[in-house]
Amino acid sequence: MLHPLAKKYLIKFLFFFWFVVTSPPLLLLIWLRQSYPTVAPAISWIAIPLALAWLYGSWWLALTTAHHMVNENRMFLTAVKYTFCDLRFRLAFLPLLGWLFTPDRENKHDDDDV
């Protein structure tokens, strides 16, 4: 009975948490738009898609973190770590930028060789 209710409110709390934590790039664009009115249209074209991605990204991060906390019974910082691992895995499948998020196997040093 409490499991779905707790997850529902946890998702809302985590959405606002991730919304605040990931806000500096968009706040920088708002500041640039207000400070330099000559480039305001160009910044608006960048800020609108970024704001939509910011909303969706905060929602996805909240859902994933809540899943790790409620369904997998992990503590907050461990859930955040696993959320970032999930995010890195998803970003590795991007067509042009995915190679930036794949693990570097050449520089990996195993402890078994030492």
PDB file of N, CA and C in Angstrom:
ATOM      1  N   MET A   1       0.818  -1.186   0.000  1.00  0.00           N
ATOM      2  CA  MET A   1       0.000   0.000   0.000  1.00  0.00           C
ATOM      3  C   MET A   1       0.870   1.262   0.000  1.00  0.00           C
ATOM      4  N   LEU A   2       1.900   1.322   0.831  1.00  0.00           N
ATOM      5  CA  LEU A   2       2.739   2.506   0.917  1.00  0.00           C
ATOM      6  C   LEU A   2       3.781   2.577  -0.188  1.00  0.00           C
ATOM      7  N   HIS A   3       4.089   1.445  -0.790  1.00  0.00           N
ATOM      8  CA  HIS A   3       5.128   1.385  -1.811  1.00  0.00           C
ATOM      9  C   HIS A   3       4.824   2.316  -2.999  1.00  0.00           C
ATOM     10  N   PRO A   4       3.656   2.215  -3.667  1.00  0.00           N
ATOM     11  CA  PRO A   4       3.381   3.133  -4.792  1.00  0.00           C
ATOM     12  C   PRO A   4       3.215   4.583  -4.349  1.00  0.00           C
ATOM     13  N   LEU A   5       2.658   4.793  -3.182  1.00  0.00           N
ATOM     14  CA  LEU A   5       2.466   6.150  -2.686  1.00  0.00           C
ATOM     15  C   LEU A   5       3.808   6.811  -2.381  1.00  0.00           C
ATOM     16  N   ALA A   6       4.702   6.066  -1.771  1.00  0.00           N
ATOM     17  CA  ALA A   6       6.035   6.598  -1.472  1.00  0.00           C
ATOM     18  C   ALA A   6       6.788   6.906  -2.758  1.00  0.00           C
ATOM     19  N   LYS A   7       6.674   6.028  -3.744  1.00  0.00           N
ATOM     20  CA  LYS A   7       7.375   6.255  -5.003  1.00  0.00           C
ATOM     21  C   LYS A   7       6.821   7.482  -5.719  1.00  0.00           C
ATOM     22  N   LYS A   8       5.531   7.695  -5.648  1.00  0.00           N
ATOM     23  CA  LYS A   8       4.897   8.840  -6.299  1.00  0.00           C
ATOM     24  C   LYS A   8       5.436  10.148  -5.728  1.00  0.00           C
ATOM     25  N   TYR A   9       5.480  10.272  -4.416  1.00  0.00           N
ATOM     26  CA  TYR A   9       5.968  11.496  -3.802  1.00  0.00           C
ATOM     27  C   TYR A   9       7.480  11.625  -3.900  1.00  0.00           C
ATOM     28  N   LEU A  10       8.173  10.521  -3.911  1.00  0.00           N
ATOM     29  CA  LEU A  10       9.619  10.558  -4.082  1.00  0.00           C
ATOM     30  C   LEU A  10       9.982  11.059  -5.472  1.00  0.00           C
ATOM     31  N   ILE A  11       9.226  10.642  -6.487  1.00  0.00           N
ATOM     32  CA  ILE A  11       9.471  11.111  -7.854  1.00  0.00           C
ATOM     33  C   ILE A  11       9.285  12.619  -7.933  1.00  0.00           C
ATOM     34  N   LYS A  12       8.241  13.139  -7.294  1.00  0.00           N
ATOM     35  CA  LYS A  12       8.010  14.591  -7.320  1.00  0.00           C
ATOM     36  C   LYS A  12       9.130  15.341  -6.613  1.00  0.00           C
ATOM     37  N   PHE A  13       9.563  14.844  -5.462  1.00  0.00           N
ATOM     38  CA  PHE A  13      10.664  15.482  -4.741  1.00  0.00           C
ATOM     39  C   PHE A  13      11.952  15.429  -5.562  1.00  0.00           C
ATOM     40  N   LEU A  14      12.252  14.268  -6.143  1.00  0.00           N
ATOM     41  CA  LEU A  14      13.479  14.130  -6.919  1.00  0.00           C
ATOM     42  C   LEU A  14      13.435  14.946  -8.207  1.00  0.00           C
ATOM     43  N   PHE A  15      12.237  15.120  -8.792  1.00  0.00           N
ATOM     44  CA  PHE A  15      12.129  15.970  -9.981  1.00  0.00           C
ATOM     45  C   PHE A  15      12.565  17.386  -9.651  1.00  0.00           C
ATOM     46  N   PHE A  16      12.088  17.947  -8.555  1.00  0.00           N
ATOM     47  CA  PHE A  16      12.496  19.294  -8.178  1.00  0.00           C
ATOM     48  C   PHE A  16      13.970  19.342  -7.782  1.00  0.00           C
ATOM     49  N   PHE A  17      14.469  18.275  -7.173  1.00  0.00           N
ATOM     50  CA  PHE A  17      15.892  18.208  -6.835  1.00  0.00           C
ATOM     51  C   PHE A  17      16.739  18.269  -8.104  1.00  0.00           C
ATOM     52  N   TRP A  18      16.461  17.401  -9.077  1.00  0.00           N
ATOM     53  CA  TRP A  18      17.237  17.388 -10.314  1.00  0.00           C
ATOM     54  C   TRP A  18      17.013  18.653 -11.124  1.00  0.00           C
ATOM     55  N   PHE A  19      15.809  19.223 -11.034  1.00  0.00           N
ATOM     56  CA  PHE A  19      15.488  20.460 -11.728  1.00  0.00           C
ATOM     57  C   PHE A  19      16.397  21.588 -11.246  1.00  0.00           C
ATOM     58  N   VAL A  20      16.620  21.669  -9.947  1.00  0.00           N
ATOM     59  CA  VAL A  20      17.476  22.714  -9.375  1.00  0.00           C
ATOM     60  C   VAL A  20      18.949  22.417  -9.634  1.00  0.00           C
ATOM     61  N   VAL A  21      19.343  21.173  -9.479  1.00  0.00           N
ATOM     62  CA  VAL A  21      20.755  20.813  -9.623  1.00  0.00           C
ATOM     63  C   VAL A  21      21.250  21.016 -11.051  1.00  0.00           C
ATOM     64  N   THR A  22      20.404  20.760 -12.030  1.00  0.00           N
ATOM     65  CA  THR A  22      20.824  20.864 -13.432  1.00  0.00           C
ATOM     66  C   THR A  22      20.464  22.203 -14.071  1.00  0.00           C
ATOM     67  N   SER A  23      20.084  23.202 -13.299  1.00  0.00           N
ATOM     68  CA  SER A  23      19.631  24.479 -13.846  1.00  0.00           C
ATOM     69  C   SER A  23      20.722  25.460 -14.285  1.00  0.00           C
ATOM     70  N   PRO A  24      21.961  25.405 -13.836  1.00  0.00           N
ATOM     71  CA  PRO A  24      22.933  26.460 -14.195  1.00  0.00           C
ATOM     72  C   PRO A  24      23.122  26.721 -15.688  1.00  0.00           C
ATOM     73  N   PRO A  25      23.172  25.734 -16.594  1.00  0.00           N
ATOM     74  CA  PRO A  25      23.326  26.102 -18.010  1.00  0.00           C
ATOM     75  C   PRO A  25      22.173  26.949 -18.542  1.00  0.00           C
ATOM     76  N   LEU A  26      20.957  26.616 -18.157  1.00  0.00           N
ATOM     77  CA  LEU A  26      19.822  27.398 -18.629  1.00  0.00           C
ATOM     78  C   LEU A  26      19.792  28.772 -17.977  1.00  0.00           C
ATOM     79  N   LEU A  27      20.165  28.869 -16.718  1.00  0.00           N
ATOM     80  CA  LEU A  27      20.233  30.173 -16.059  1.00  0.00           C
ATOM     81  C   LEU A  27      21.309  31.056 -16.697  1.00  0.00           C
ATOM     82  N   LEU A  28      22.397  30.450 -17.151  1.00  0.00           N
ATOM     83  CA  LEU A  28      23.435  31.200 -17.857  1.00  0.00           C
ATOM     84  C   LEU A  28      22.892  31.758 -19.166  1.00  0.00           C
ATOM     85  N   LEU A  29      22.125  30.969 -19.902  1.00  0.00           N
ATOM     86  CA  LEU A  29      21.542  31.459 -21.146  1.00  0.00           C
ATOM     87  C   LEU A  29      20.536  32.578 -20.892  1.00  0.00           C
ATOM     88  N   ILE A  30      19.772  32.477 -19.826  1.00  0.00           N
ATOM     89  CA  ILE A  30      18.834  33.554 -19.487  1.00  0.00           C
ATOM     90  C   ILE A  30      19.592  34.830 -19.149  1.00  0.00           C
ATOM     91  N   TRP A  31      20.672  34.705 -18.394  1.00  0.00           N
ATOM     92  CA  TRP A  31      21.485  35.863 -18.065  1.00  0.00           C
ATOM     93  C   TRP A  31      22.098  36.480 -19.325  1.00  0.00           C
ATOM     94  N   LEU A  32      22.602  35.632 -20.241  1.00  0.00           N
ATOM     95  CA  LEU A  32      23.177  36.153 -21.484  1.00  0.00           C
ATOM     96  C   LEU A  32      22.130  36.863 -22.329  1.00  0.00           C
ATOM     97  N   ARG A  33      20.924  36.311 -22.349  1.00  0.00           N
ATOM     98  CA  ARG A  33      19.849  36.921 -23.135  1.00  0.00           C
ATOM     99  C   ARG A  33      19.476  38.291 -22.577  1.00  0.00           C
ATOM    100  N   GLN A  34      19.461  38.440 -21.265  1.00  0.00           N
ATOM    101  CA  GLN A  34      19.126  39.720 -20.645  1.00  0.00           C
ATOM    102  C   GLN A  34      20.284  40.722 -20.747  1.00  0.00           C
ATOM    103  N   SER A  35      21.509  40.242 -20.717  1.00  0.00           N
ATOM    104  CA  SER A  35      22.672  41.137 -20.729  1.00  0.00           C
ATOM    105  C   SER A  35      23.026  41.623 -22.130  1.00  0.00           C
ATOM    106  N   TYR A  36      22.805  40.808 -23.122  1.00  0.00           N
ATOM    107  CA  TYR A  36      23.158  41.153 -24.497  1.00  0.00           C
ATOM    108  C   TYR A  36      21.928  41.069 -25.385  1.00  0.00           C
ATOM    109  N   PRO A  37      21.172  42.150 -25.487  1.00  0.00           N
ATOM    110  CA  PRO A  37      19.934  42.102 -26.274  1.00  0.00           C
ATOM    111  C   PRO A  37      20.157  41.930 -27.772  1.00  0.00           C
ATOM    112  N   THR A  38      21.367  42.195 -28.252  1.00  0.00           N
ATOM    113  CA  THR A  38      21.618  42.044 -29.689  1.00  0.00           C
ATOM    114  C   THR A  38      21.639  40.576 -30.113  1.00  0.00           C
ATOM    115  N   VAL A  39      22.001  39.693 -29.203  1.00  0.00           N
ATOM    116  CA  VAL A  39      22.053  38.264 -29.539  1.00  0.00           C
ATOM    117  C   VAL A  39      20.874  37.491 -28.923  1.00  0.00           C
ATOM    118  N   ALA A  40      19.865  38.203 -28.461  1.00  0.00           N
ATOM    119  CA  ALA A  40      18.729  37.561 -27.802  1.00  0.00           C
ATOM    120  C   ALA A  40      18.001  36.565 -28.701  1.00  0.00           C
ATOM    121  N   PRO A  41      17.762  36.863 -29.992  1.00  0.00           N
ATOM    122  CA  PRO A  41      17.084  35.859 -30.830  1.00  0.00           C
ATOM    123  C   PRO A  41      17.899  34.566 -30.999  1.00  0.00           C
ATOM    124  N   ALA A  42      19.203  34.695 -31.148  1.00  0.00           N
ATOM    125  CA  ALA A  42      20.043  33.502 -31.308  1.00  0.00           C
ATOM    126  C   ALA A  42      20.048  32.665 -30.033  1.00  0.00           C
ATOM    127  N   ILE A  43      20.106  33.338 -28.901  1.00  0.00           N
ATOM    128  CA  ILE A  43      20.093  32.611 -27.628  1.00  0.00           C
ATOM    129  C   ILE A  43      18.742  31.955 -27.391  1.00  0.00           C
ATOM    130  N   SER A  44      17.669  32.596 -27.850  1.00  0.00           N
ATOM    131  CA  SER A  44      16.338  31.998 -27.696  1.00  0.00           C
ATOM    132  C   SER A  44      16.220  30.705 -28.484  1.00  0.00           C
ATOM    133  N   TRP A  45      16.829  30.656 -29.664  1.00  0.00           N
ATOM    134  CA  TRP A  45      16.784  29.430 -30.462  1.00  0.00           C
ATOM    135  C   TRP A  45      17.540  28.291 -29.781  1.00  0.00           C
ATOM    136  N   ILE A  46      18.524  28.625 -28.987  1.00  0.00           N
ATOM    137  CA  ILE A  46      19.264  27.604 -28.244  1.00  0.00           C
ATOM    138  C   ILE A  46      18.539  27.253 -26.948  1.00  0.00           C
ATOM    139  N   ALA A  47      17.975  28.267 -26.289  1.00  0.00           N
ATOM    140  CA  ALA A  47      17.392  28.072 -24.959  1.00  0.00           C
ATOM    141  C   ALA A  47      16.100  27.273 -24.982  1.00  0.00           C
ATOM    142  N   ILE A  48      15.299  27.411 -26.010  1.00  0.00           N
ATOM    143  CA  ILE A  48      14.005  26.697 -26.043  1.00  0.00           C
ATOM    144  C   ILE A  48      14.207  25.186 -26.125  1.00  0.00           C
ATOM    145  N   PRO A  49      15.011  24.656 -27.055  1.00  0.00           N
ATOM    146  CA  PRO A  49      15.236  23.198 -27.032  1.00  0.00           C
ATOM    147  C   PRO A  49      15.962  22.728 -25.775  1.00  0.00           C
ATOM    148  N   LEU A  50      16.874  23.556 -25.265  1.00  0.00           N
ATOM    149  CA  LEU A  50      17.579  23.195 -24.043  1.00  0.00           C
ATOM    150  C   LEU A  50      16.624  23.126 -22.857  1.00  0.00           C
ATOM    151  N   ALA A  51      15.651  24.027 -22.805  1.00  0.00           N
ATOM    152  CA  ALA A  51      14.663  24.010 -21.716  1.00  0.00           C
ATOM    153  C   ALA A  51      13.787  22.762 -21.795  1.00  0.00           C
ATOM    154  N   LEU A  52      13.402  22.367 -23.002  1.00  0.00           N
ATOM    155  CA  LEU A  52      12.605  21.138 -23.150  1.00  0.00           C
ATOM    156  C   LEU A  52      13.420  19.910 -22.757  1.00  0.00           C
ATOM    157  N   ALA A  53      14.680  19.878 -23.153  1.00  0.00           N
ATOM    158  CA  ALA A  53      15.550  18.763 -22.764  1.00  0.00           C
ATOM    159  C   ALA A  53      15.788  18.772 -21.262  1.00  0.00           C
ATOM    160  N   TRP A  54      15.855  19.951 -20.668  1.00  0.00           N
ATOM    161  CA  TRP A  54      16.048  20.095 -19.223  1.00  0.00           C
ATOM    162  C   TRP A  54      14.856  19.530 -18.461  1.00  0.00           C
ATOM    163  N   LEU A  55      13.656  19.826 -18.916  1.00  0.00           N
ATOM    164  CA  LEU A  55      12.449  19.287 -18.270  1.00  0.00           C
ATOM    165  C   LEU A  55      12.391  17.770 -18.396  1.00  0.00           C
ATOM    166  N   TYR A  56      12.586  17.267 -19.615  1.00  0.00           N
ATOM    167  CA  TYR A  56      12.540  15.819 -19.829  1.00  0.00           C
ATOM    168  C   TYR A  56      13.674  15.116 -19.080  1.00  0.00           C
ATOM    169  N   GLY A  57      14.861  15.710 -19.099  1.00  0.00           N
ATOM    170  CA  GLY A  57      15.998  15.103 -18.410  1.00  0.00           C
ATOM    171  C   GLY A  57      15.799  15.046 -16.904  1.00  0.00           C
ATOM    172  N   SER A  58      15.253  16.100 -16.332  1.00  0.00           N
ATOM    173  CA  SER A  58      14.979  16.099 -14.896  1.00  0.00           C
ATOM    174  C   SER A  58      13.941  15.047 -14.542  1.00  0.00           C
ATOM    175  N   TRP A  59      12.937  14.906 -15.391  1.00  0.00           N
ATOM    176  CA  TRP A  59      11.901  13.884 -15.165  1.00  0.00           C
ATOM    177  C   TRP A  59      12.507  12.488 -15.250  1.00  0.00           C
ATOM    178  N   TRP A  60      13.356  12.241 -16.265  1.00  0.00           N
ATOM    179  CA  TRP A  60      13.958  10.918 -16.415  1.00  0.00           C
ATOM    180  C   TRP A  60      14.893  10.606 -15.252  1.00  0.00           C
ATOM    181  N   LEU A  61      15.700  11.584 -14.842  1.00  0.00           N
ATOM    182  CA  LEU A  61      16.600  11.370 -13.707  1.00  0.00           C
ATOM    183  C   LEU A  61      15.810  11.072 -12.436  1.00  0.00           C
ATOM    184  N   ALA A  62      14.682  11.762 -12.238  1.00  0.00           N
ATOM    185  CA  ALA A  62      13.852  11.522 -11.052  1.00  0.00           C
ATOM    186  C   ALA A  62      13.247  10.125 -11.090  1.00  0.00           C
ATOM    187  N   LEU A  63      12.735   9.723 -12.238  1.00  0.00           N
ATOM    188  CA  LEU A  63      12.152   8.374 -12.351  1.00  0.00           C
ATOM    189  C   LEU A  63      13.190   7.291 -12.105  1.00  0.00           C
ATOM    190  N   THR A  64      14.348   7.450 -12.688  1.00  0.00           N
ATOM    191  CA  THR A  64      15.391   6.434 -12.554  1.00  0.00           C
ATOM    192  C   THR A  64      15.930   6.367 -11.126  1.00  0.00           C
ATOM    193  N   THR A  65      16.141   7.524 -10.511  1.00  0.00           N
ATOM    194  CA  THR A  65      16.630   7.539  -9.130  1.00  0.00           C
ATOM    195  C   THR A  65      15.592   6.953  -8.184  1.00  0.00           C
ATOM    196  N   ALA A  66      14.311   7.295  -8.394  1.00  0.00           N
ATOM    197  CA  ALA A  66      13.251   6.742  -7.549  1.00  0.00           C
ATOM    198  C   ALA A  66      13.146   5.233  -7.736  1.00  0.00           C
ATOM    199  N   HIS A  67      13.331   4.762  -8.951  1.00  0.00           N
ATOM    200  CA  HIS A  67      13.303   3.310  -9.195  1.00  0.00           C
ATOM    201  C   HIS A  67      14.406   2.612  -8.403  1.00  0.00           C
ATOM    202  N   HIS A  68      15.613   3.180  -8.446  1.00  0.00           N
ATOM    203  CA  HIS A  68      16.721   2.566  -7.707  1.00  0.00           C
ATOM    204  C   HIS A  68      16.493   2.628  -6.200  1.00  0.00           C
ATOM    205  N   MET A  69      15.870   3.696  -5.728  1.00  0.00           N
ATOM    206  CA  MET A  69      15.659   3.832  -4.287  1.00  0.00           C
ATOM    207  C   MET A  69      14.515   2.950  -3.777  1.00  0.00           C
ATOM    208  N   VAL A  70      13.403   2.893  -4.519  1.00  0.00           N
ATOM    209  CA  VAL A  70      12.223   2.183  -4.024  1.00  0.00           C
ATOM    210  C   VAL A  70      12.248   0.711  -4.427  1.00  0.00           C
ATOM    211  N   ASN A  71      12.423   0.442  -5.702  1.00  0.00           N
ATOM    212  CA  ASN A  71      12.337  -0.937  -6.177  1.00  0.00           C
ATOM    213  C   ASN A  71      13.583  -1.760  -5.850  1.00  0.00           C
ATOM    214  N   GLU A  72      14.737  -1.141  -5.875  1.00  0.00           N
ATOM    215  CA  GLU A  72      15.971  -1.871  -5.617  1.00  0.00           C
ATOM    216  C   GLU A  72      16.502  -1.639  -4.210  1.00  0.00           C
ATOM    217  N   ASN A  73      15.803  -0.838  -3.426  1.00  0.00           N
ATOM    218  CA  ASN A  73      16.095  -0.617  -2.008  1.00  0.00           C
ATOM    219  C   ASN A  73      17.525  -0.117  -1.784  1.00  0.00           C
ATOM    220  N   ARG A  74      17.896   0.939  -2.526  1.00  0.00           N
ATOM    221  CA  ARG A  74      19.218   1.531  -2.387  1.00  0.00           C
ATOM    222  C   ARG A  74      19.111   2.876  -1.675  1.00  0.00           C
ATOM    223  N   MET A  75      20.193   3.295  -1.060  1.00  0.00           N
ATOM    224  CA  MET A  75      20.251   4.601  -0.419  1.00  0.00           C
ATOM    225  C   MET A  75      20.405   5.681  -1.500  1.00  0.00           C
ATOM    226  N   PHE A  76      20.240   6.944  -1.114  1.00  0.00           N
ATOM    227  CA  PHE A  76      20.180   8.036  -2.084  1.00  0.00           C
ATOM    228  C   PHE A  76      21.451   8.147  -2.922  1.00  0.00           C
ATOM    229  N   LEU A  77      22.616   8.212  -2.305  1.00  0.00           N
ATOM    230  CA  LEU A  77      23.851   8.402  -3.069  1.00  0.00           C
ATOM    231  C   LEU A  77      24.174   7.206  -3.959  1.00  0.00           C
ATOM    232  N   THR A  78      23.854   6.019  -3.493  1.00  0.00           N
ATOM    233  CA  THR A  78      24.047   4.830  -4.332  1.00  0.00           C
ATOM    234  C   THR A  78      23.081   4.855  -5.509  1.00  0.00           C
ATOM    235  N   ALA A  79      21.861   5.288  -5.269  1.00  0.00           N
ATOM    236  CA  ALA A  79      20.875   5.400  -6.349  1.00  0.00           C
ATOM    237  C   ALA A  79      21.309   6.439  -7.373  1.00  0.00           C
ATOM    238  N   VAL A  80      21.895   7.539  -6.915  1.00  0.00           N
ATOM    239  CA  VAL A  80      22.401   8.562  -7.837  1.00  0.00           C
ATOM    240  C   VAL A  80      23.541   7.996  -8.673  1.00  0.00           C
ATOM    241  N   LYS A  81      24.421   7.223  -8.053  1.00  0.00           N
ATOM    242  CA  LYS A  81      25.531   6.603  -8.786  1.00  0.00           C
ATOM    243  C   LYS A  81      25.004   5.673  -9.875  1.00  0.00           C
ATOM    244  N   TYR A  82      24.021   4.845  -9.543  1.00  0.00           N
ATOM    245  CA  TYR A  82      23.444   3.945 -10.539  1.00  0.00           C
ATOM    246  C   TYR A  82      22.642   4.698 -11.594  1.00  0.00           C
ATOM    247  N   THR A  83      22.062   5.823 -11.222  1.00  0.00           N
ATOM    248  CA  THR A  83      21.365   6.654 -12.207  1.00  0.00           C
ATOM    249  C   THR A  83      22.352   7.217 -13.215  1.00  0.00           C
ATOM    250  N   PHE A  84      23.506   7.680 -12.744  1.00  0.00           N
ATOM    251  CA  PHE A  84      24.516   8.180 -13.663  1.00  0.00           C
ATOM    252  C   PHE A  84      25.077   7.069 -14.545  1.00  0.00           C
ATOM    253  N   CYS A  85      25.169   5.860 -14.010  1.00  0.00           N
ATOM    254  CA  CYS A  85      25.609   4.723 -14.841  1.00  0.00           C
ATOM    255  C   CYS A  85      24.587   4.439 -15.936  1.00  0.00           C
ATOM    256  N   ASP A  86      23.310   4.493 -15.595  1.00  0.00           N
ATOM    257  CA  ASP A  86      22.258   4.310 -16.601  1.00  0.00           C
ATOM    258  C   ASP A  86      22.293   5.417 -17.645  1.00  0.00           C
ATOM    259  N   LEU A  87      22.525   6.634 -17.201  1.00  0.00           N
ATOM    260  CA  LEU A  87      22.598   7.768 -18.125  1.00  0.00           C
ATOM    261  C   LEU A  87      23.781   7.616 -19.067  1.00  0.00           C
ATOM    262  N   ARG A  88      24.916   7.210 -18.537  1.00  0.00           N
ATOM    263  CA  ARG A  88      26.094   7.007 -19.381  1.00  0.00           C
ATOM    264  C   ARG A  88      25.847   5.909 -20.410  1.00  0.00           C
ATOM    265  N   PHE A  89      25.173   4.847 -20.004  1.00  0.00           N
ATOM    266  CA  PHE A  89      24.857   3.763 -20.919  1.00  0.00           C
ATOM    267  C   PHE A  89      23.953   4.252 -22.044  1.00  0.00           C
ATOM    268  N   ARG A  90      22.944   5.044 -21.724  1.00  0.00           N
ATOM    269  CA  ARG A  90      22.032   5.565 -22.750  1.00  0.00           C
ATOM    270  C   ARG A  90      22.727   6.569 -23.667  1.00  0.00           C
ATOM    271  N   LEU A  91      23.579   7.412 -23.100  1.00  0.00           N
ATOM    272  CA  LEU A  91      24.279   8.395 -23.921  1.00  0.00           C
ATOM    273  C   LEU A  91      25.309   7.743 -24.846  1.00  0.00           C
ATOM    274  N   ALA A  92      25.762   6.562 -24.526  1.00  0.00           N
ATOM    275  CA  ALA A  92      26.720   5.857 -25.385  1.00  0.00           C
ATOM    276  C   ALA A  92      26.101   5.454 -26.718  1.00  0.00           C
ATOM    277  N   PHE A  93      24.773   5.443 -26.801  1.00  0.00           N
ATOM    278  CA  PHE A  93      24.107   5.067 -28.042  1.00  0.00           C
ATOM    279  C   PHE A  93      23.771   6.256 -28.940  1.00  0.00           C
ATOM    280  N   LEU A  94      24.186   7.467 -28.559  1.00  0.00           N
ATOM    281  CA  LEU A  94      23.977   8.622 -29.421  1.00  0.00           C
ATOM    282  C   LEU A  94      24.813   8.476 -30.677  1.00  0.00           C
ATOM    283  N   PRO A  95      24.287   8.835 -31.837  1.00  0.00           N
ATOM    284  CA  PRO A  95      25.011   8.600 -33.084  1.00  0.00           C
ATOM    285  C   PRO A  95      26.362   9.309 -33.197  1.00  0.00           C
ATOM    286  N   LEU A  96      26.450  10.596 -32.911  1.00  0.00           N
ATOM    287  CA  LEU A  96      27.699  11.316 -33.130  1.00  0.00           C
ATOM    288  C   LEU A  96      28.543  11.478 -31.865  1.00  0.00           C
ATOM    289  N   LEU A  97      27.916  11.486 -30.714  1.00  0.00           N
ATOM    290  CA  LEU A  97      28.632  11.736 -29.473  1.00  0.00           C
ATOM    291  C   LEU A  97      28.777  10.501 -28.587  1.00  0.00           C
ATOM    292  N   GLY A  98      28.278   9.376 -29.008  1.00  0.00           N
ATOM    293  CA  GLY A  98      28.281   8.186 -28.172  1.00  0.00           C
ATOM    294  C   GLY A  98      29.655   7.691 -27.789  1.00  0.00           C
ATOM    295  N   TRP A  99      30.637   7.905 -28.645  1.00  0.00           N
ATOM    296  CA  TRP A  99      31.990   7.430 -28.344  1.00  0.00           C
ATOM    297  C   TRP A  99      32.582   8.132 -27.129  1.00  0.00           C
ATOM    298  N   LEU A 100      32.076   9.317 -26.791  1.00  0.00           N
ATOM    299  CA  LEU A 100      32.576  10.018 -25.604  1.00  0.00           C
ATOM    300  C   LEU A 100      32.169   9.339 -24.307  1.00  0.00           C
ATOM    301  N   PHE A 101      31.115   8.535 -24.348  1.00  0.00           N
ATOM    302  CA  PHE A 101      30.570   7.927 -23.137  1.00  0.00           C
ATOM    303  C   PHE A 101      30.860   6.436 -23.021  1.00  0.00           C
ATOM    304  N   THR A 102      31.580   5.876 -23.970  1.00  0.00           N
ATOM    305  CA  THR A 102      31.945   4.468 -23.874  1.00  0.00           C
ATOM    306  C   THR A 102      33.194   4.326 -23.018  1.00  0.00           C
ATOM    307  N   PRO A 103      33.334   3.217 -22.308  1.00  0.00           N
ATOM    308  CA  PRO A 103      34.514   3.046 -21.457  1.00  0.00           C
ATOM    309  C   PRO A 103      35.787   2.915 -22.302  1.00  0.00           C
ATOM    310  N   ASP A 104      36.865   3.452 -21.806  1.00  0.00           N
ATOM    311  CA  ASP A 104      38.155   3.395 -22.482  1.00  0.00           C
ATOM    312  C   ASP A 104      38.881   2.143 -22.021  1.00  0.00           C
ATOM    313  N   ARG A 105      38.920   1.136 -22.853  1.00  0.00           N
ATOM    314  CA  ARG A 105      39.495  -0.159 -22.473  1.00  0.00           C
ATOM    315  C   ARG A 105      41.021  -0.165 -22.547  1.00  0.00           C
ATOM    316  N   GLU A 106      41.614   0.725 -23.352  1.00  0.00           N
ATOM    317  CA  GLU A 106      43.074   0.729 -23.489  1.00  0.00           C
ATOM    318  C   GLU A 106      43.761   1.232 -22.221  1.00  0.00           C
ATOM    319  N   ASN A 107      43.160   2.193 -21.539  1.00  0.00           N
ATOM    320  CA  ASN A 107      43.774   2.771 -20.352  1.00  0.00           C
ATOM    321  C   ASN A 107      43.295   2.121 -19.060  1.00  0.00           C
ATOM    322  N   LYS A 108      42.499   1.092 -19.159  1.00  0.00           N
ATOM    323  CA  LYS A 108      41.994   0.435 -17.964  1.00  0.00           C
ATOM    324  C   LYS A 108      43.054  -0.522 -17.438  1.00  0.00           C
ATOM    325  N   HIS A 109      43.362  -0.397 -16.168  1.00  0.00           N
ATOM    326  CA  HIS A 109      44.361  -1.252 -15.535  1.00  0.00           C
ATOM    327  C   HIS A 109      43.665  -2.182 -14.574  1.00  0.00           C
ATOM    328  N   ASP A 110      43.783  -3.465 -14.831  1.00  0.00           N
ATOM    329  CA  ASP A 110      43.177  -4.452 -13.929  1.00  0.00           C
ATOM    330  C   ASP A 110      44.109  -4.690 -12.748  1.00  0.00           C
ATOM    331  N   ASP A 111      43.524  -4.953 -11.605  1.00  0.00           N
ATOM    332  CA  ASP A 111      44.311  -5.220 -10.412  1.00  0.00           C
ATOM    333  C   ASP A 111      44.924  -6.627 -10.428  1.00  0.00           C
ATOM    334  N   ASP A 112      44.431  -7.478 -11.305  1.00  0.00           N
ATOM    335  CA  ASP A 112      44.939  -8.855 -11.355  1.00  0.00           C
ATOM    336  C   ASP A 112      46.364  -8.903 -11.921  1.00  0.00           C
ATOM    337  N   ASP A 113      46.746  -7.934 -12.734  1.00  0.00           N
ATOM    338  CA  ASP A 113      48.065  -7.938 -13.335  1.00  0.00           C
ATOM    339  C   ASP A 113      49.159  -7.475 -12.380  1.00  0.00           C
ATOM    340  N   VAL A 114      48.797  -6.818 -11.306  1.00  0.00           N
ATOM    341  CA  VAL A 114      49.790  -6.245 -10.396  1.00  0.00           C
ATOM    342  C   VAL A 114      50.287  -7.281  -9.434  1.00  0.00           C
TER     343      VAL A 114
END
